[in-house]
Protein backbone atom coordinates (compact mmCIF):
# COMPACT_ATOMS: atom_id res chain seq x y z
CA UNK A 1 100.36 65.31 147.14
CA UNK A 2 99.68 65.38 150.75
CA UNK A 3 96.30 66.76 151.81
CA UNK A 4 97.70 69.37 154.03
CA UNK A 5 100.08 70.32 151.16
CA UNK A 6 97.29 70.98 148.90
CA UNK A 7 95.34 73.06 151.69
CA UNK A 8 98.28 75.19 152.12
CA UNK A 9 98.71 75.64 148.21
CA UNK A 10 94.85 76.36 147.59
CA UNK A 11 95.28 79.14 150.58
CA UNK A 12 98.51 80.42 149.12
CA UNK A 13 96.97 80.81 145.73
CA UNK A 14 93.69 82.59 147.07
CA UNK A 15 95.96 84.97 148.93
CA UNK A 16 98.14 85.72 145.59
CA UNK A 17 94.83 86.37 143.59
CA UNK A 18 93.43 88.52 146.51
CA UNK A 19 96.67 90.54 146.48
CA UNK A 20 96.75 90.76 142.70
CA UNK A 21 92.95 92.04 142.60
CA UNK A 22 94.01 94.46 145.33
CA UNK A 23 97.04 95.60 143.39
CA UNK A 24 95.00 96.18 140.20
CA UNK A 25 92.25 98.03 142.21
CA UNK A 26 94.81 100.30 143.67
CA UNK A 27 96.31 100.79 140.04
CA UNK A 28 92.91 101.51 138.58
CA UNK A 29 92.04 104.12 141.33
CA UNK A 30 95.58 105.94 140.93
CA UNK A 31 94.83 106.07 137.09
CA UNK A 32 91.38 107.54 137.76
CA UNK A 33 92.67 109.89 140.25
CA UNK A 34 95.40 110.89 137.50
CA UNK A 35 92.56 111.43 135.08
CA UNK A 36 90.58 113.49 137.41
CA UNK A 37 93.46 115.63 138.42
CA UNK A 38 93.99 116.13 134.73
CA UNK A 39 90.54 117.12 133.96
CA UNK A 40 90.50 119.54 136.89
CA UNK A 41 93.72 121.22 135.73
CA UNK A 42 92.26 121.52 132.11
CA UNK A 43 89.24 123.13 133.41
CA UNK A 44 91.20 125.62 135.63
CA UNK A 45 93.19 126.67 132.49
CA UNK A 46 90.41 126.79 130.04
CA UNK A 47 88.10 128.78 132.63
CA UNK A 48 90.78 131.46 132.46
CA UNK A 49 90.78 133.85 129.67
CA UNK A 50 94.03 133.47 127.69
CA UNK A 51 95.25 135.43 124.57
CA UNK A 52 98.17 135.20 122.65
CA UNK A 53 100.78 138.11 122.53
CA UNK A 54 103.00 138.92 119.78
CA UNK A 55 105.57 141.51 118.73
CA UNK A 56 103.59 142.75 115.81
CA UNK A 57 105.97 145.22 114.67
CA UNK A 58 109.10 146.84 115.99
CA UNK A 59 107.50 149.29 118.28
CA UNK A 60 104.02 147.38 118.65
CA UNK A 61 103.28 144.54 121.15
CA UNK A 62 99.75 143.63 121.51
CA UNK A 63 97.53 141.19 123.03
CA UNK A 64 95.65 139.82 120.04
CA UNK A 65 91.97 138.95 120.37
CA UNK A 66 90.79 137.29 117.18
CA UNK A 67 87.26 137.94 115.87
CA UNK A 68 85.26 136.19 113.13
CA UNK A 69 86.59 132.68 114.29
CA UNK A 70 83.91 130.37 115.33
CA UNK A 71 82.17 132.54 117.80
CA UNK A 72 85.33 133.43 119.69
CA UNK A 73 85.37 136.78 121.70
CA UNK A 74 81.80 137.69 120.59
CA UNK A 75 81.90 141.00 122.81
CA UNK A 76 84.93 142.34 120.66
CA UNK A 77 83.17 141.24 117.44
CA UNK A 78 79.78 142.63 118.14
CA UNK A 79 81.73 146.36 118.81
CA UNK A 80 83.81 145.77 115.80
CA UNK A 81 80.83 145.17 113.49
CA UNK A 82 78.93 147.97 114.78
CA UNK A 83 81.75 150.54 114.20
CA UNK A 84 82.73 148.92 110.99
CA UNK A 85 79.03 149.52 109.75
CA UNK A 86 78.86 153.10 111.08
CA UNK A 87 82.25 154.44 110.14
CA UNK A 88 83.16 151.86 107.13
CA UNK A 89 86.35 150.78 108.24
CA UNK A 90 86.84 147.85 105.75
CA UNK A 91 85.52 150.21 102.93
CA UNK A 92 87.94 153.00 103.77
CA UNK A 93 90.69 150.58 104.44
CA UNK A 94 90.36 149.02 100.77
CA UNK A 95 89.31 152.41 98.99
CA UNK A 96 92.43 154.39 98.74
CA UNK A 97 90.62 157.27 97.19
CA UNK A 98 88.44 157.77 100.24
CA UNK A 99 91.02 159.51 102.30
CA UNK A 100 88.76 162.66 103.19
CA UNK A 101 85.98 160.28 104.47
CA UNK A 102 88.29 158.12 106.22
CA UNK A 103 87.31 157.55 109.98
CA UNK A 104 90.53 155.99 111.21
CA UNK A 105 94.26 156.36 110.92
CA UNK A 106 97.10 154.15 109.53
CA UNK A 107 98.67 152.90 112.74
CA UNK A 108 101.63 150.57 111.35
CA UNK A 109 101.47 149.37 107.81
CA UNK A 110 105.12 148.90 107.09
CA UNK A 111 105.48 145.48 108.44
CA UNK A 112 103.71 142.09 107.23
CA UNK A 113 100.95 142.92 109.94
CA UNK A 114 99.02 146.10 108.78
CA UNK A 115 97.36 147.92 111.41
CA UNK A 116 94.74 150.87 111.87
CA UNK A 117 93.27 152.61 114.79
CA UNK A 118 89.95 153.76 115.10
CA UNK A 119 89.14 156.08 117.97
CA UNK A 120 85.46 155.07 118.21
CA UNK A 121 86.66 151.34 118.37
CA UNK A 122 89.14 152.08 120.83
CA UNK A 123 86.61 154.02 122.98
CA UNK A 124 84.13 151.15 122.88
CA UNK A 125 86.72 148.34 123.17
CA UNK A 126 88.18 150.06 126.22
CA UNK A 127 84.87 149.77 128.12
CA UNK A 128 85.10 145.96 128.19
CA UNK A 129 88.60 145.24 128.74
CA UNK A 130 90.35 144.17 131.93
CA UNK A 131 92.19 146.86 134.33
CA UNK A 132 95.24 144.66 134.09
CA UNK A 133 96.51 141.52 132.33
CA UNK A 134 99.15 139.11 133.40
CA UNK A 135 101.65 138.82 130.37
CA UNK A 136 104.02 135.66 130.32
CA UNK A 137 107.13 135.64 128.41
CA UNK A 138 109.95 133.23 127.64
CA UNK A 139 111.62 133.84 131.07
CA UNK A 140 108.92 135.25 133.41
CA UNK A 141 105.67 137.65 133.80
CA UNK A 142 104.47 140.93 134.80
CA UNK A 143 101.20 142.72 135.07
CA UNK A 144 100.48 145.21 132.35
CA UNK A 145 97.69 147.69 131.35
CA UNK A 146 96.51 148.30 128.07
CA UNK A 147 97.58 151.31 126.07
CA UNK A 148 95.99 151.77 122.69
CA UNK A 149 93.53 149.61 120.70
CA UNK A 150 94.12 148.84 117.21
CA UNK A 151 92.85 146.46 114.58
CA UNK A 152 93.97 144.26 111.57
CA UNK A 153 91.83 144.21 108.50
CA UNK A 154 92.84 141.52 105.84
CA UNK A 155 90.65 139.47 103.57
CA UNK A 156 93.43 136.83 103.33
CA UNK A 157 94.42 136.57 107.12
CA UNK A 158 92.61 136.47 110.32
CA UNK A 159 91.09 139.82 111.51
CA UNK A 160 91.90 140.85 115.04
CA UNK A 161 91.65 143.50 117.66
CA UNK A 162 94.99 144.39 119.22
CA UNK A 163 95.58 145.65 122.70
CA UNK A 164 98.92 147.37 122.73
CA UNK A 165 100.95 147.12 125.94
CA UNK A 166 104.12 148.99 126.79
CA UNK A 167 106.95 148.61 129.38
CA UNK A 168 107.05 145.01 129.20
CA UNK A 169 110.43 144.22 130.60
CA UNK A 170 111.99 141.83 127.89
CA UNK A 171 115.39 141.96 129.67
CA UNK A 172 113.64 140.35 132.63
CA UNK A 173 110.68 138.33 131.20
CA UNK A 174 112.01 137.46 127.66
CA UNK A 175 109.94 137.70 124.46
CA UNK A 176 106.09 138.30 125.39
CA UNK A 177 104.04 135.03 124.49
CA UNK A 178 100.52 135.08 125.95
CA UNK A 179 98.40 136.73 128.82
CA UNK A 180 95.61 135.91 131.14
CA UNK A 181 93.07 137.47 133.28
CA UNK A 182 93.72 135.70 136.04
CA UNK A 183 97.11 134.78 137.20
CA UNK A 184 98.45 131.35 136.11
CA UNK A 185 100.56 128.86 138.22
CA UNK A 186 103.53 128.41 136.17
CA UNK A 187 106.69 126.92 136.57
CA UNK A 188 109.70 128.05 134.42
CA UNK A 189 111.75 124.89 134.20
CA UNK A 190 114.94 124.30 132.55
CA UNK A 191 114.69 120.88 131.26
CA UNK A 192 111.95 120.28 129.12
CA UNK A 193 113.93 118.21 126.36
CA UNK A 194 112.22 115.00 126.72
CA UNK A 195 108.74 116.30 126.59
CA UNK A 196 109.53 118.83 123.90
CA UNK A 197 110.81 116.04 121.69
CA UNK A 198 107.65 114.03 122.38
CA UNK A 199 105.57 117.05 121.01
CA UNK A 200 107.74 117.69 118.14
CA UNK A 201 107.48 114.05 117.07
CA UNK A 202 103.66 114.36 117.12
CA UNK A 203 103.99 117.52 115.16
CA UNK A 204 106.31 116.18 112.54
CA UNK A 205 103.89 113.40 111.88
CA UNK A 206 101.03 115.62 110.98
CA UNK A 207 100.44 116.47 107.24
CA UNK A 208 99.51 120.05 106.53
CA UNK A 209 98.73 121.41 103.27
CA UNK A 210 100.78 124.51 104.00
CA UNK A 211 103.73 124.64 106.28
CA UNK A 212 106.81 126.57 107.08
CA UNK A 213 109.66 125.61 104.56
CA UNK A 214 111.83 125.83 107.65
CA UNK A 215 109.54 125.15 110.55
CA UNK A 216 110.53 126.70 113.92
CA UNK A 217 110.67 123.74 116.45
CA UNK A 218 108.30 123.64 119.31
CA UNK A 219 109.61 125.30 122.56
CA UNK A 220 108.25 124.75 126.04
CA UNK A 221 108.57 127.90 128.49
CA UNK A 222 106.75 126.76 131.23
CA UNK A 223 104.63 124.25 132.70
CA UNK A 224 101.81 123.57 135.38
CA UNK A 225 102.16 119.97 136.30
CA UNK A 226 101.47 118.09 133.18
CA UNK A 227 100.17 121.09 131.38
CA UNK A 228 102.85 122.39 128.95
CA UNK A 229 102.91 125.97 127.59
CA UNK A 230 104.52 126.15 124.17
CA UNK A 231 105.37 128.28 121.32
CA UNK A 232 106.58 128.27 117.72
CA UNK A 233 108.09 131.34 116.66
CA UNK A 234 111.44 132.83 115.64
CA UNK A 235 110.28 136.64 116.74
CA UNK A 236 111.75 138.02 113.58
CA UNK A 237 108.57 138.53 111.29
CA UNK A 238 107.54 141.57 113.40
CA UNK A 239 110.90 143.38 112.76
CA UNK A 240 111.67 142.15 109.14
CA UNK A 241 109.58 139.46 107.39
CA UNK A 242 112.61 138.96 104.81
CA UNK A 243 114.55 137.65 107.85
CA UNK A 244 112.13 135.45 109.10
CA UNK A 245 111.06 131.87 107.67
CA UNK A 246 107.99 131.66 110.20
CA UNK A 247 104.73 131.93 108.61
CA UNK A 248 102.36 130.41 111.28
CA UNK A 249 103.56 131.58 114.74
CA UNK A 250 101.73 129.75 117.57
CA UNK A 251 101.12 129.73 121.11
CA UNK A 252 99.63 126.31 122.61
CA UNK A 253 98.82 124.69 125.79
CA UNK A 254 99.23 120.79 125.83
CA UNK A 255 98.35 118.42 128.84
CA UNK A 256 100.23 115.30 128.88
CA UNK A 257 97.99 112.18 129.32
CA UNK A 258 99.13 108.54 130.15
CA UNK A 259 100.71 106.65 127.27
CA UNK A 260 102.51 109.96 126.27
CA UNK A 261 99.55 111.24 124.56
CA UNK A 262 98.85 115.14 124.49
CA UNK A 263 95.63 116.84 124.83
CA UNK A 264 95.72 120.49 123.14
CA UNK A 265 93.30 122.41 125.28
CA UNK A 266 94.38 126.04 123.99
CA UNK A 267 95.81 127.16 120.44
CA UNK A 268 96.55 130.60 119.22
CA UNK A 269 98.19 131.43 115.99
CA UNK A 270 98.69 133.96 113.25
CA UNK A 271 98.56 133.38 109.43
CA UNK A 272 101.26 135.32 107.91
CA UNK A 273 101.04 133.67 104.63
CA UNK A 274 97.48 134.16 103.68
CA UNK A 275 95.95 130.95 103.31
CA UNK A 276 92.40 131.97 102.36
CA UNK A 277 93.65 133.94 99.27
CA UNK A 278 95.76 131.13 98.04
C-alpha cells in the first residue's frame, strides 16, 4: 500500500472513530435527558395528592381515602381512631343489639360496599379536606366539592373514609376514576391500543393467588407524556354486584421507560372479595 494511501486511511479511520464516539455521547446524553425528564414527571405526579374515585352504590359516588394501609393518609386515620374510641363506631357496627347506644347512622348498606355516617367523624374530617378537588372521568374532568363524609368498616376488606360528591356530569366526563388536589396535565387521547396491549401483557404474566375469573382488561383513559392513567373496572358492582365479575377494581398511573418497561407510581384499588378473611 502506498504511504500516502496509508496516511489517508489512518486519518479516515480516526475520523470515523471520533464520529462514532461523538454519536454515542449524544445518544447517552439523550437517554440521560429522557431518564431525567421521566423522573421529573414522576415527581410532579407523586407530589400531587391523588385519590381513587368510585361509584360505591347507585346514589353514592365518593373519593376514597384508605386508612390502616402502611401509613397512608395519617391525618384521616388519626381522626378515625379518635372518633372510633370515643363513639365506639366499630363496636356499634358489629353489635346489632346496641341500636340505642349507636352514635352513627347506616348510610348505605344494600350494596357490596356497606357505608355508615358519623356526624362527629364528618365534622372533624371536614376540617382537613380541600375546598375543592379535580375529579377525572373516562372522558373529561371537573372541579367538585365534598358533600358528605362516610366510612366503611369491614374486617375482611380495606377500611376507608368516603368523601361523597354530587353533580359530577357523567354525560360530559364519563365514569369517575380519580381526583387530585392540584390540576393534572392530562391529555385524553384516542389511540392507546399499542401501549394498552403492552401493559395488559405485563398484567397477564403476573401470577396472583386471587384474581377475577373474568378479569376486566386494563384501559388507558388519559396520559401526560409517557405517564399513562389507567383503570380496571366494569362499573357494575356498585349498582348490582350480581351483574359484575370485577372483584378488584383498580386505578393506576404507569410511566413508560425505555425497553417498553413500565414503572407503576400510583396504585389504588378496592377488595370486593375479602382476601383477609379467606
